[in-house]
Amino acid sequence: MSVTLTDQDTLTLRIAAYGAVSLMSAAGAGGSAHRVATDGSIALASATGLVGHVLAKAPKGRDLNGATVAALADQVLPALTASMNLLRQQDPAEAGNFRSTVLVAIEAAARTHQGPPSPTLADMARKITEALDAA
């Protein structure tokens, strides 16, 4: 099955995936926020297939904006759901690839801490998973 993505579709996928990592970084704020973002971004850059090609380039800073975590979530969570809807319509296998890529990225981001993730990180991961599954 061939997938046709517009420039806007590509931007939405990038905002969704990199935004999920940004939300995890914000939830892990403190000394580990940079490590959370780094580990999550490495996971996204390791994606394969169409998703890997799209995520090979991160969105520009102005594409992912939000003065607060809530403002960022207002942008990212709907983009996750929209991305899943878009990919499910065109290629269900790529939708699964996108979902698993984002989940691996948030798991990588959450594992930067010793022991289990903090309640804040765990809650953000739950919200991201719910947005992926809302489609």
C-alpha atoms as a PDB file:
ATOM      1  CA  MET A   1       0.000   0.000   0.000  1.00  0.00           C
ATOM      2  CA  SER A   2       1.369   3.408  -0.964  1.00  0.00           C
ATOM      3  CA  VAL A   3       1.142   6.266   1.495  1.00  0.00           C
ATOM      4  CA  THR A   4       0.820   9.822   0.274  1.00  0.00           C
ATOM      5  CA  LEU A   5       1.637  12.484   2.832  1.00  0.00           C
ATOM      6  CA  THR A   6       1.225  16.187   2.293  1.00  0.00           C
ATOM      7  CA  ASP A   7       3.674  18.630   3.826  1.00  0.00           C
ATOM      8  CA  GLN A   8       1.082  19.318   6.517  1.00  0.00           C
ATOM      9  CA  ASP A   9       0.679  15.580   7.206  1.00  0.00           C
ATOM     10  CA  THR A  10       4.440  15.240   7.601  1.00  0.00           C
ATOM     11  CA  LEU A  11       4.549  18.213   9.965  1.00  0.00           C
ATOM     12  CA  THR A  12       1.695  16.761  12.030  1.00  0.00           C
ATOM     13  CA  LEU A  13       3.530  13.435  12.409  1.00  0.00           C
ATOM     14  CA  ARG A  14       6.722  15.210  13.445  1.00  0.00           C
ATOM     15  CA  ILE A  15       4.924  17.470  15.916  1.00  0.00           C
ATOM     16  CA  ALA A  16       3.129  14.448  17.380  1.00  0.00           C
ATOM     17  CA  ALA A  17       6.229  12.298  17.840  1.00  0.00           C
ATOM     18  CA  TYR A  18       8.742  14.947  18.884  1.00  0.00           C
ATOM     19  CA  GLY A  19       6.043  16.681  20.909  1.00  0.00           C
ATOM     20  CA  ALA A  20       5.469  13.477  22.877  1.00  0.00           C
ATOM     21  CA  VAL A  21       9.167  13.497  23.773  1.00  0.00           C
ATOM     22  CA  SER A  22       8.928  17.191  24.681  1.00  0.00           C
ATOM     23  CA  LEU A  23       5.997  16.442  26.987  1.00  0.00           C
ATOM     24  CA  MET A  24       7.988  13.689  28.669  1.00  0.00           C
ATOM     25  CA  SER A  25      10.915  16.072  29.044  1.00  0.00           C
ATOM     26  CA  ALA A  26       8.664  18.696  30.615  1.00  0.00           C
ATOM     27  CA  ALA A  27       7.224  16.064  32.969  1.00  0.00           C
ATOM     28  CA  GLY A  28      10.731  15.004  33.933  1.00  0.00           C
ATOM     29  CA  ALA A  29      11.779  18.584  34.524  1.00  0.00           C
ATOM     30  CA  GLY A  30      14.755  19.161  36.668  1.00  0.00           C
ATOM     31  CA  GLY A  31      18.253  17.894  36.162  1.00  0.00           C
ATOM     32  CA  SER A  32      17.115  14.987  33.983  1.00  0.00           C
ATOM     33  CA  ALA A  33      14.932  16.899  31.483  1.00  0.00           C
ATOM     34  CA  HIS A  34      17.759  17.136  28.951  1.00  0.00           C
ATOM     35  CA  ARG A  35      18.513  13.411  29.278  1.00  0.00           C
ATOM     36  CA  VAL A  36      14.814  12.570  28.847  1.00  0.00           C
ATOM     37  CA  ALA A  37      14.685  14.621  25.636  1.00  0.00           C
ATOM     38  CA  THR A  38      17.927  13.131  24.331  1.00  0.00           C
ATOM     39  CA  ASP A  39      16.955   9.510  24.937  1.00  0.00           C
ATOM     40  CA  GLY A  40      13.472  10.016  23.490  1.00  0.00           C
ATOM     41  CA  SER A  41      14.819  11.786  20.401  1.00  0.00           C
ATOM     42  CA  ILE A  42      17.379   9.026  19.783  1.00  0.00           C
ATOM     43  CA  ALA A  43      14.540   6.507  19.843  1.00  0.00           C
ATOM     44  CA  LEU A  44      12.592   8.541  17.268  1.00  0.00           C
ATOM     45  CA  ALA A  45      15.647   8.873  15.039  1.00  0.00           C
ATOM     46  CA  SER A  46      15.992   5.076  15.128  1.00  0.00           C
ATOM     47  CA  ALA A  47      12.584   4.514  13.517  1.00  0.00           C
ATOM     48  CA  THR A  48      12.311   2.577  10.264  1.00  0.00           C
ATOM     49  CA  GLY A  49       9.903   2.497   7.335  1.00  0.00           C
ATOM     50  CA  LEU A  50       7.886   5.516   6.252  1.00  0.00           C
ATOM     51  CA  VAL A  51       7.748   6.698   9.854  1.00  0.00           C
ATOM     52  CA  GLY A  52      11.541   6.588  10.045  1.00  0.00           C
ATOM     53  CA  HIS A  53      11.858   8.691   6.903  1.00  0.00           C
ATOM     54  CA  VAL A  54       9.397  11.269   8.224  1.00  0.00           C
ATOM     55  CA  LEU A  55      10.961  11.428  11.691  1.00  0.00           C
ATOM     56  CA  ALA A  56      14.517  11.669  10.364  1.00  0.00           C
ATOM     57  CA  LYS A  57      13.999  15.419  10.530  1.00  0.00           C
ATOM     58  CA  ALA A  58      12.695  17.041  13.707  1.00  0.00           C
ATOM     59  CA  PRO A  59      10.179  19.899  13.475  1.00  0.00           C
ATOM     60  CA  LYS A  60      11.592  23.391  13.673  1.00  0.00           C
ATOM     61  CA  GLY A  61      11.403  25.125  17.043  1.00  0.00           C
ATOM     62  CA  ARG A  62       8.531  27.319  15.973  1.00  0.00           C
ATOM     63  CA  ASP A  63       6.464  24.276  14.999  1.00  0.00           C
ATOM     64  CA  LEU A  64       6.484  22.937  18.561  1.00  0.00           C
ATOM     65  CA  ASN A  65       5.508  25.765  20.810  1.00  0.00           C
ATOM     66  CA  GLY A  66       3.869  26.154  24.141  1.00  0.00           C
ATOM     67  CA  ALA A  67       4.695  28.460  26.996  1.00  0.00           C
ATOM     68  CA  THR A  68       3.375  25.872  29.439  1.00  0.00           C
ATOM     69  CA  VAL A  69       3.109  22.100  29.541  1.00  0.00           C
ATOM     70  CA  ALA A  70      -0.656  22.472  29.161  1.00  0.00           C
ATOM     71  CA  ALA A  71      -0.243  24.577  26.002  1.00  0.00           C
ATOM     72  CA  LEU A  72       2.200  22.055  24.558  1.00  0.00           C
ATOM     73  CA  ALA A  73      -0.180  19.201  25.414  1.00  0.00           C
ATOM     74  CA  ASP A  74      -3.022  21.079  23.690  1.00  0.00           C
ATOM     75  CA  GLN A  75      -0.948  20.952  20.510  1.00  0.00           C
ATOM     76  CA  VAL A  76       0.677  17.527  20.792  1.00  0.00           C
ATOM     77  CA  LEU A  77      -2.061  15.220  22.092  1.00  0.00           C
ATOM     78  CA  PRO A  78      -4.491  16.039  19.248  1.00  0.00           C
ATOM     79  CA  ALA A  79      -1.596  15.690  16.761  1.00  0.00           C
ATOM     80  CA  LEU A  80      -0.955  12.164  18.068  1.00  0.00           C
ATOM     81  CA  THR A  81      -4.589  11.210  17.503  1.00  0.00           C
ATOM     82  CA  ALA A  82      -4.653  12.893  14.079  1.00  0.00           C
ATOM     83  CA  SER A  83      -1.457  11.099  13.066  1.00  0.00           C
ATOM     84  CA  MET A  84      -2.910   7.731  13.982  1.00  0.00           C
ATOM     85  CA  ASN A  85      -6.136   8.493  12.079  1.00  0.00           C
ATOM     86  CA  LEU A  86      -4.195   9.602   9.016  1.00  0.00           C
ATOM     87  CA  LEU A  87      -1.921   6.575   8.963  1.00  0.00           C
ATOM     88  CA  ARG A  88      -4.708   4.078   9.704  1.00  0.00           C
ATOM     89  CA  GLN A  89      -6.612   5.373   6.672  1.00  0.00           C
ATOM     90  CA  GLN A  90      -3.619   5.019   4.366  1.00  0.00           C
ATOM     91  CA  ASP A  91      -1.595   2.109   5.762  1.00  0.00           C
ATOM     92  CA  PRO A  92      -2.534   0.347   9.014  1.00  0.00           C
ATOM     93  CA  ALA A  93       0.937  -1.198   9.262  1.00  0.00           C
ATOM     94  CA  GLU A  94       2.531   2.258   9.285  1.00  0.00           C
ATOM     95  CA  ALA A  95       0.017   3.340  11.912  1.00  0.00           C
ATOM     96  CA  GLY A  96       1.266   0.483  14.064  1.00  0.00           C
ATOM     97  CA  ASN A  97       4.850   1.453  13.294  1.00  0.00           C
ATOM     98  CA  PHE A  98       4.171   5.056  14.342  1.00  0.00           C
ATOM     99  CA  ARG A  99       2.441   3.977  17.555  1.00  0.00           C
ATOM    100  CA  SER A 100       5.224   1.606  18.556  1.00  0.00           C
ATOM    101  CA  THR A 101       7.895   4.188  17.666  1.00  0.00           C
ATOM    102  CA  VAL A 102       6.288   6.803  19.908  1.00  0.00           C
ATOM    103  CA  LEU A 103       5.814   4.276  22.715  1.00  0.00           C
ATOM    104  CA  VAL A 104       9.467   3.213  22.495  1.00  0.00           C
ATOM    105  CA  ALA A 105      10.491   6.887  22.601  1.00  0.00           C
ATOM    106  CA  ILE A 106       8.442   7.623  25.717  1.00  0.00           C
ATOM    107  CA  GLU A 107       9.683   4.423  27.359  1.00  0.00           C
ATOM    108  CA  ALA A 108      13.269   5.416  26.554  1.00  0.00           C
ATOM    109  CA  ALA A 109      12.563   8.865  27.979  1.00  0.00           C
ATOM    110  CA  ALA A 110      11.067   7.390  31.160  1.00  0.00           C
ATOM    111  CA  ARG A 111      13.988   4.998  31.692  1.00  0.00           C
ATOM    112  CA  THR A 112      16.504   7.779  32.199  1.00  0.00           C
ATOM    113  CA  HIS A 113      15.701   7.629  35.903  1.00  0.00           C
ATOM    114  CA  GLN A 114      16.934   4.981  38.279  1.00  0.00           C
ATOM    115  CA  GLY A 115      14.054   2.731  39.218  1.00  0.00           C
ATOM    116  CA  PRO A 116      10.474   3.208  38.069  1.00  0.00           C
ATOM    117  CA  PRO A 117       9.478   6.466  36.376  1.00  0.00           C
ATOM    118  CA  SER A 118       8.209   9.250  38.587  1.00  0.00           C
ATOM    119  CA  PRO A 119       4.440   9.573  38.965  1.00  0.00           C
ATOM    120  CA  THR A 120       4.597  12.671  36.752  1.00  0.00           C
ATOM    121  CA  LEU A 121       6.403  10.828  33.947  1.00  0.00           C
ATOM    122  CA  ALA A 122       4.086   7.824  34.285  1.00  0.00           C
ATOM    123  CA  ASP A 123       1.020  10.066  34.062  1.00  0.00           C
ATOM    124  CA  MET A 124       2.348  11.862  30.979  1.00  0.00           C
ATOM    125  CA  ALA A 125       3.118   8.514  29.330  1.00  0.00           C
ATOM    126  CA  ARG A 126      -0.478   7.431  30.053  1.00  0.00           C
ATOM    127  CA  LYS A 127      -1.864  10.611  28.445  1.00  0.00           C
ATOM    128  CA  ILE A 128       0.301  10.105  25.357  1.00  0.00           C
ATOM    129  CA  THR A 129      -0.804   6.462  25.049  1.00  0.00           C
ATOM    130  CA  GLU A 130      -4.453   7.486  25.405  1.00  0.00           C
ATOM    131  CA  ALA A 131      -4.038  10.049  22.619  1.00  0.00           C
ATOM    132  CA  LEU A 132      -2.484   7.416  20.355  1.00  0.00           C
ATOM    133  CA  ASP A 133      -5.334   5.017  21.081  1.00  0.00           C
ATOM    134  CA  ALA A 134      -8.127   7.595  20.760  1.00  0.00           C
ATOM    135  CA  ALA A 135      -8.095   7.302  16.978  1.00  0.00           C
END
